[in-house]
Amino acid sequence: MTSQSIVVVGSCMIDFVSYAPRLPQKGETIHGTQFVTNFGGKGANQCVAAAKLGGQTTLVARVGEDLWGDKYIANLKEQKVETKYVQKTPNFSSGIAQITVAETGDNQIVIVAGANTQLSPLDVEKAKSEISAAAVLVLQLETSVEVAVRALELCEGVSVLNGAPGLSDYDARILTLPTIFCVNETEAELFTGLPVTTKKEAETAARFLLSKGCKSVVLTLGAQGTLYVDKTECLYLSCPSVRCVDSTGAGDAFIGAFAFLLATKPDLPMAKVLESACIIASDSVTRSGTQISFPGKEILDKCPL
């Protein structure tokens, strides 16, 4: 039987979220309206997003040997994520993110990586059998580039590298090794040095990444949808129009859905995979929070599967 498993190698963060009428200007203090604590981090977010859709997921990650680390592992188990490769790290705090969300849904985020900095290629080696057997491997850059590269070298299935945070100076292997390189507009600008403010500029940037060795590129454009480019096709998929409450984690919802569909619907045309991922990500922004906003299996009834 063909594997449908998804392995995510990446970060776990505790999100400390403040809601405010707008984002503050430089040096400005403003009153907020609400404060909440959520589970976040791109790696865990993407893993949970896939798991909530019914994906068979395993996370390779590190948390601190602290109260938040214990809570995070319990949360992952509750979401039916395999946690045997999520390690508690002595003498390090769990990673945290300070997030401000405006009434428009826009956000600003500062992360302190904590235990995530200790995730190493050796941790990846411990999960070698799961990574090599996975239908889809998902990675990001909130943990070290060396971790991502080693995981990509072990992968025998489809690999998706989310180039976030974006880098202007980077190891070329993060472009050449993954099956699919996925970035948003801001990240694409950092990787290419090109402006990405229109669909035409997005395609130019995506094709530049192909020229640097990417096999295929997904460039997400927020509410405008997403662009897919490889050596033979170029696709643009729009997002459904929704009222945005909180865009935090929308990109992670997209990538988790993307990975789930690649793993469980390998014969589905790329256009339908991307359209479905856009529908799922758009649904997530209609609720506050990150992982708690990700939809469950019921959203699949609205997708062109």
Protein backbone atom coordinates (compact mmCIF):
# COMPACT_ATOMS: atom_id res chain seq x y z
CA MET A 1 0.00 0.00 0.00
CA THR A 2 1.38 3.41 -0.97
CA SER A 3 2.30 5.64 1.96
CA GLN A 4 0.10 8.65 2.70
CA SER A 5 2.18 9.76 5.67
CA ILE A 6 3.31 13.35 6.18
CA VAL A 7 6.44 14.21 8.14
CA VAL A 8 7.00 17.80 9.22
CA VAL A 9 10.40 18.92 10.48
CA GLY A 10 10.22 22.32 12.11
CA SER A 11 9.38 24.66 14.94
CA CYS A 12 7.05 24.80 17.92
CA MET A 13 6.21 28.23 19.34
CA ILE A 14 3.92 29.53 22.04
CA ASP A 15 2.05 32.51 20.60
CA PHE A 16 1.38 35.45 22.92
CA VAL A 17 -1.22 37.37 20.94
CA SER A 18 -2.47 40.91 21.51
CA TYR A 19 -5.45 42.22 19.54
CA ALA A 20 -5.63 45.95 18.86
CA PRO A 21 -7.61 48.35 16.64
CA ARG A 22 -4.51 48.81 14.48
CA LEU A 23 -0.80 48.01 14.42
CA PRO A 24 1.34 50.52 16.37
CA GLN A 25 3.69 52.93 14.62
CA LYS A 26 7.41 52.99 15.43
CA GLY A 27 7.88 54.03 19.06
CA GLU A 28 4.13 54.16 19.71
CA THR A 29 2.19 52.58 22.59
CA ILE A 30 -1.48 51.82 21.97
CA HIS A 31 -4.25 50.11 23.93
CA GLY A 32 -5.19 46.58 22.91
CA THR A 33 -8.56 44.91 23.23
CA GLN A 34 -7.73 41.27 24.05
CA PHE A 35 -4.81 38.98 24.95
CA VAL A 36 -4.67 35.22 24.32
CA THR A 37 -2.07 32.46 24.36
CA ASN A 38 -2.07 29.95 21.48
CA PHE A 39 0.04 27.08 20.20
CA GLY A 40 2.01 28.10 17.11
CA GLY A 41 5.29 27.83 15.20
CA LYS A 42 5.33 27.17 11.49
CA GLY A 43 6.34 23.53 11.73
CA ALA A 44 3.75 22.54 14.30
CA ASN A 45 1.08 24.73 12.65
CA GLN A 46 1.54 23.05 9.29
CA CYS A 47 1.56 19.61 10.90
CA VAL A 48 -1.63 20.30 12.87
CA ALA A 49 -3.33 21.80 9.80
CA ALA A 50 -2.71 18.55 7.90
CA ALA A 51 -3.72 16.41 10.90
CA LYS A 52 -7.04 18.23 11.35
CA LEU A 53 -7.91 17.41 7.74
CA GLY A 54 -7.33 13.72 8.50
CA GLY A 55 -3.65 13.44 7.59
CA GLN A 56 -1.32 10.85 9.12
CA THR A 57 1.30 13.23 10.53
CA THR A 58 4.58 13.03 12.43
CA LEU A 59 6.43 16.07 13.81
CA VAL A 60 10.19 16.29 14.33
CA ALA A 61 10.78 19.24 16.67
CA ARG A 62 12.07 20.51 20.01
CA VAL A 63 10.36 22.23 22.91
CA GLY A 64 11.77 23.54 26.16
CA GLU A 65 11.98 21.52 29.37
CA ASP A 66 9.37 23.79 30.88
CA LEU A 67 5.64 24.09 31.51
CA TRP A 68 4.99 25.20 27.92
CA GLY A 69 6.90 22.24 26.50
CA ASP A 70 4.70 19.79 28.38
CA LYS A 71 1.58 21.64 27.32
CA TYR A 72 2.69 21.70 23.71
CA ILE A 73 3.29 17.96 23.52
CA ALA A 74 -0.12 17.34 25.11
CA ASN A 75 -1.72 19.63 22.51
CA LEU A 76 -0.06 17.77 19.62
CA LYS A 77 -1.28 14.43 20.99
CA GLU A 78 -4.78 15.85 21.27
CA GLN A 79 -4.57 16.83 17.58
CA LYS A 80 -3.52 13.22 16.74
CA VAL A 81 0.02 14.18 15.72
CA GLU A 82 2.72 11.53 16.30
CA THR A 83 5.10 13.09 18.87
CA LYS A 84 7.82 10.49 19.40
CA TYR A 85 10.34 12.81 17.71
CA VAL A 86 9.31 15.92 19.67
CA GLN A 87 12.04 16.29 22.29
CA LYS A 88 12.16 18.34 25.48
CA THR A 89 15.41 20.33 25.66
CA PRO A 90 17.13 20.91 29.03
CA ASN A 91 18.25 24.48 29.85
CA PHE A 92 16.23 26.03 27.02
CA SER A 93 12.85 27.70 27.09
CA SER A 94 10.20 26.77 24.58
CA GLY A 95 10.12 29.06 21.56
CA ILE A 96 7.75 32.02 21.78
CA ALA A 97 6.18 34.48 19.37
CA GLN A 98 4.87 37.93 20.27
CA ILE A 99 2.05 38.74 17.87
CA THR A 100 -0.05 41.87 17.43
CA VAL A 101 -3.22 41.53 15.35
CA ALA A 102 -5.12 44.56 14.01
CA GLU A 103 -8.88 44.71 13.40
CA THR A 104 -8.16 44.36 9.67
CA GLY A 105 -6.57 40.96 10.35
CA ASP A 106 -3.05 42.24 9.57
CA ASN A 107 -0.34 41.21 12.01
CA GLN A 108 3.22 41.81 13.21
CA ILE A 109 5.27 38.96 14.68
CA VAL A 110 8.55 38.73 16.63
CA ILE A 111 9.85 35.25 17.46
CA VAL A 112 12.38 34.06 20.07
CA ALA A 113 13.34 30.59 18.91
CA GLY A 114 14.49 29.10 22.25
CA ALA A 115 14.65 25.28 22.08
CA ASN A 116 14.04 25.38 18.34
CA THR A 117 17.68 26.47 17.89
CA GLN A 118 18.76 23.08 19.23
CA LEU A 119 16.97 21.01 16.58
CA SER A 120 19.87 19.38 14.73
CA PRO A 121 20.67 17.08 11.80
CA LEU A 122 21.13 14.33 14.42
CA ASP A 123 17.47 14.75 15.42
CA VAL A 124 16.59 14.34 11.74
CA GLU A 125 18.68 11.16 11.53
CA LYS A 126 16.67 9.67 14.39
CA ALA A 127 13.55 10.00 12.21
CA LYS A 128 15.29 8.71 9.07
CA SER A 129 12.94 5.77 8.51
CA GLU A 130 9.81 7.92 8.79
CA ILE A 131 11.25 10.66 6.56
CA SER A 132 12.37 8.27 3.82
CA ALA A 133 9.01 6.47 3.86
CA ALA A 134 6.86 9.62 3.90
CA ALA A 135 4.65 10.53 0.97
CA VAL A 136 5.30 14.19 1.76
CA LEU A 137 8.02 15.93 3.79
CA VAL A 138 7.43 19.53 4.91
CA LEU A 139 10.09 21.95 6.15
CA GLN A 140 10.51 25.64 7.00
CA LEU A 141 13.39 27.93 8.01
CA GLU A 142 12.46 28.77 11.63
CA THR A 143 14.94 26.01 12.46
CA SER A 144 18.44 25.75 10.96
CA VAL A 145 19.15 25.39 7.26
CA GLU A 146 21.35 22.37 8.06
CA VAL A 147 18.30 20.60 9.52
CA ALA A 148 16.26 21.28 6.39
CA VAL A 149 19.04 20.17 4.05
CA ARG A 150 19.62 16.86 5.86
CA ALA A 151 15.92 16.07 5.90
CA LEU A 152 15.67 16.85 2.18
CA GLU A 153 18.61 14.53 1.49
CA LEU A 154 16.78 11.68 3.26
CA CYS A 155 13.44 12.27 1.56
CA GLU A 156 12.32 9.82 -1.13
CA GLY A 157 8.83 11.25 -1.63
CA VAL A 158 7.56 14.74 -2.38
CA SER A 159 9.27 17.50 -0.40
CA VAL A 160 7.87 20.97 0.28
CA LEU A 161 10.18 23.63 1.68
CA ASN A 162 8.47 26.75 2.99
CA GLY A 163 11.11 29.48 2.71
CA ALA A 164 9.98 31.27 5.86
CA PRO A 165 11.45 33.36 7.29
CA GLY A 166 12.87 34.57 3.98
CA LEU A 167 16.61 34.88 3.45
CA SER A 168 18.71 37.09 1.18
CA ASP A 169 21.90 35.06 1.78
CA TYR A 170 21.34 31.31 1.73
CA ASP A 171 22.61 27.82 0.90
CA ALA A 172 21.60 27.12 -2.71
CA ARG A 173 20.52 23.59 -1.71
CA ILE A 174 17.35 24.94 -0.12
CA LEU A 175 16.29 25.86 -3.65
CA THR A 176 17.63 22.86 -5.54
CA LEU A 177 16.72 19.97 -3.21
CA PRO A 178 12.96 20.32 -2.56
CA THR A 179 10.31 19.17 -5.02
CA ILE A 180 8.35 22.37 -4.33
CA PHE A 181 9.68 25.66 -2.96
CA CYS A 182 6.91 27.72 -1.35
CA VAL A 183 7.12 31.40 -0.34
CA ASN A 184 4.88 34.42 0.07
CA GLU A 185 5.43 37.82 -1.58
CA THR A 186 7.75 39.21 1.11
CA GLU A 187 9.82 36.04 1.27
CA ALA A 188 10.06 35.90 -2.53
CA GLU A 189 11.42 39.45 -2.56
CA LEU A 190 14.15 38.45 -0.08
CA PHE A 191 15.16 35.32 -1.98
CA THR A 192 15.19 37.03 -5.38
CA GLY A 193 15.91 40.70 -4.71
CA LEU A 194 12.96 41.48 -7.00
CA PRO A 195 9.75 43.39 -6.20
CA VAL A 196 6.60 41.26 -5.83
CA THR A 197 3.64 43.63 -5.77
CA THR A 198 1.65 42.38 -8.80
CA LYS A 199 0.82 39.02 -10.39
CA LYS A 200 3.24 39.78 -13.23
CA GLU A 201 6.05 40.55 -10.79
CA ALA A 202 5.20 37.36 -8.88
CA GLU A 203 5.58 35.28 -12.03
CA THR A 204 8.89 36.99 -12.82
CA ALA A 205 10.16 36.21 -9.31
CA ALA A 206 8.97 32.59 -9.53
CA ARG A 207 10.72 32.12 -12.85
CA PHE A 208 13.88 33.65 -11.38
CA LEU A 209 13.75 31.00 -8.64
CA LEU A 210 13.41 28.31 -11.32
CA SER A 211 16.53 29.72 -12.98
CA LYS A 212 18.35 29.31 -9.65
CA GLY A 213 17.53 25.61 -9.54
CA CYS A 214 14.03 25.26 -8.06
CA LYS A 215 12.08 22.35 -9.55
CA SER A 216 8.76 24.14 -8.96
CA VAL A 217 7.60 27.22 -7.07
CA VAL A 218 4.41 28.07 -5.19
CA LEU A 219 4.17 31.79 -4.49
CA THR A 220 1.28 32.69 -2.22
CA LEU A 221 -0.29 36.12 -2.68
CA GLY A 222 -2.48 36.49 0.42
CA ALA A 223 -6.08 37.32 -0.40
CA GLN A 224 -5.15 37.44 -4.11
CA GLY A 225 -4.56 33.68 -4.26
CA THR A 226 -1.50 31.72 -5.30
CA LEU A 227 0.82 31.20 -8.26
CA TYR A 228 2.40 27.90 -9.30
CA VAL A 229 5.25 27.73 -11.79
CA ASP A 230 7.39 24.83 -13.00
CA LYS A 231 9.29 24.24 -16.22
CA THR A 232 6.15 23.34 -18.19
CA GLU A 233 3.19 25.18 -16.66
CA CYS A 234 2.12 28.35 -14.93
CA LEU A 235 -1.08 28.40 -12.86
CA TYR A 236 -2.82 31.22 -11.03
CA LEU A 237 -5.56 30.32 -8.53
CA SER A 238 -7.68 32.93 -6.77
CA CYS A 239 -8.93 32.75 -3.17
CA PRO A 240 -12.61 32.94 -2.23
CA SER A 241 -13.67 36.31 -0.84
CA VAL A 242 -14.11 36.14 2.94
CA ARG A 243 -14.19 38.55 5.89
CA CYS A 244 -10.71 38.36 7.43
CA VAL A 245 -10.72 38.26 11.23
CA ASP A 246 -7.13 37.09 11.82
CA SER A 247 -4.60 36.21 9.10
CA THR A 248 -2.08 34.73 11.57
CA GLY A 249 -1.26 31.19 10.43
CA ALA A 250 -3.09 31.43 7.10
CA GLY A 251 0.08 30.50 5.21
CA ASP A 252 0.55 27.51 7.50
CA ALA A 253 -3.04 26.42 6.93
CA PHE A 254 -2.34 26.60 3.18
CA ILE A 255 0.84 24.51 3.39
CA GLY A 256 -0.69 21.96 5.74
CA ALA A 257 -3.63 21.55 3.37
CA PHE A 258 -1.27 21.44 0.38
CA ALA A 259 0.77 18.65 2.01
CA PHE A 260 -2.37 16.73 3.01
CA LEU A 261 -3.71 16.81 -0.56
CA LEU A 262 -0.37 15.87 -2.12
CA ALA A 263 -0.16 12.88 0.26
CA THR A 264 -3.74 11.66 0.04
CA LYS A 265 -4.74 12.71 -3.50
CA PRO A 266 -1.53 12.17 -5.50
CA ASP A 267 -3.44 11.98 -8.81
CA LEU A 268 -5.34 15.24 -8.26
CA PRO A 269 -4.31 17.90 -10.82
CA MET A 270 -2.11 20.63 -9.34
CA ALA A 271 -4.74 23.26 -10.16
CA LYS A 272 -7.30 21.49 -7.96
CA VAL A 273 -4.75 20.92 -5.18
CA LEU A 274 -3.95 24.63 -5.11
CA GLU A 275 -7.57 25.73 -5.39
CA SER A 276 -8.49 23.48 -2.47
CA ALA A 277 -5.56 24.73 -0.36
CA CYS A 278 -6.69 28.32 -1.05
CA ILE A 279 -10.24 27.48 0.08
CA ILE A 280 -8.95 25.90 3.29
CA ALA A 281 -6.54 28.77 4.07
CA SER A 282 -9.25 31.35 3.36
CA ASP A 283 -11.61 29.60 5.76
CA SER A 284 -8.97 29.76 8.51
CA VAL A 285 -8.81 33.58 8.47
CA THR A 286 -12.51 33.88 9.35
CA ARG A 287 -11.70 32.88 12.97
CA SER A 288 -9.21 34.15 15.55
CA GLY A 289 -6.09 32.23 16.45
CA THR A 290 -3.72 29.89 14.63
CA GLN A 291 -4.16 26.14 15.14
CA ILE A 292 -7.59 26.64 16.70
CA SER A 293 -8.71 28.41 13.51
CA PHE A 294 -7.70 25.59 11.15
CA PRO A 295 -10.71 23.76 9.72
CA GLY A 296 -11.41 20.06 10.08
CA LYS A 297 -12.42 17.42 7.55
CA GLU A 298 -15.77 19.10 6.86
CA ILE A 299 -14.05 21.81 4.78
CA LEU A 300 -13.09 19.15 2.22
CA ASP A 301 -16.75 19.04 1.08
CA LYS A 302 -16.25 22.57 -0.26
CA CYS A 303 -13.14 21.63 -2.23
CA PRO A 304 -12.97 20.44 -5.87
CA LEU A 305 -11.69 16.94 -5.05
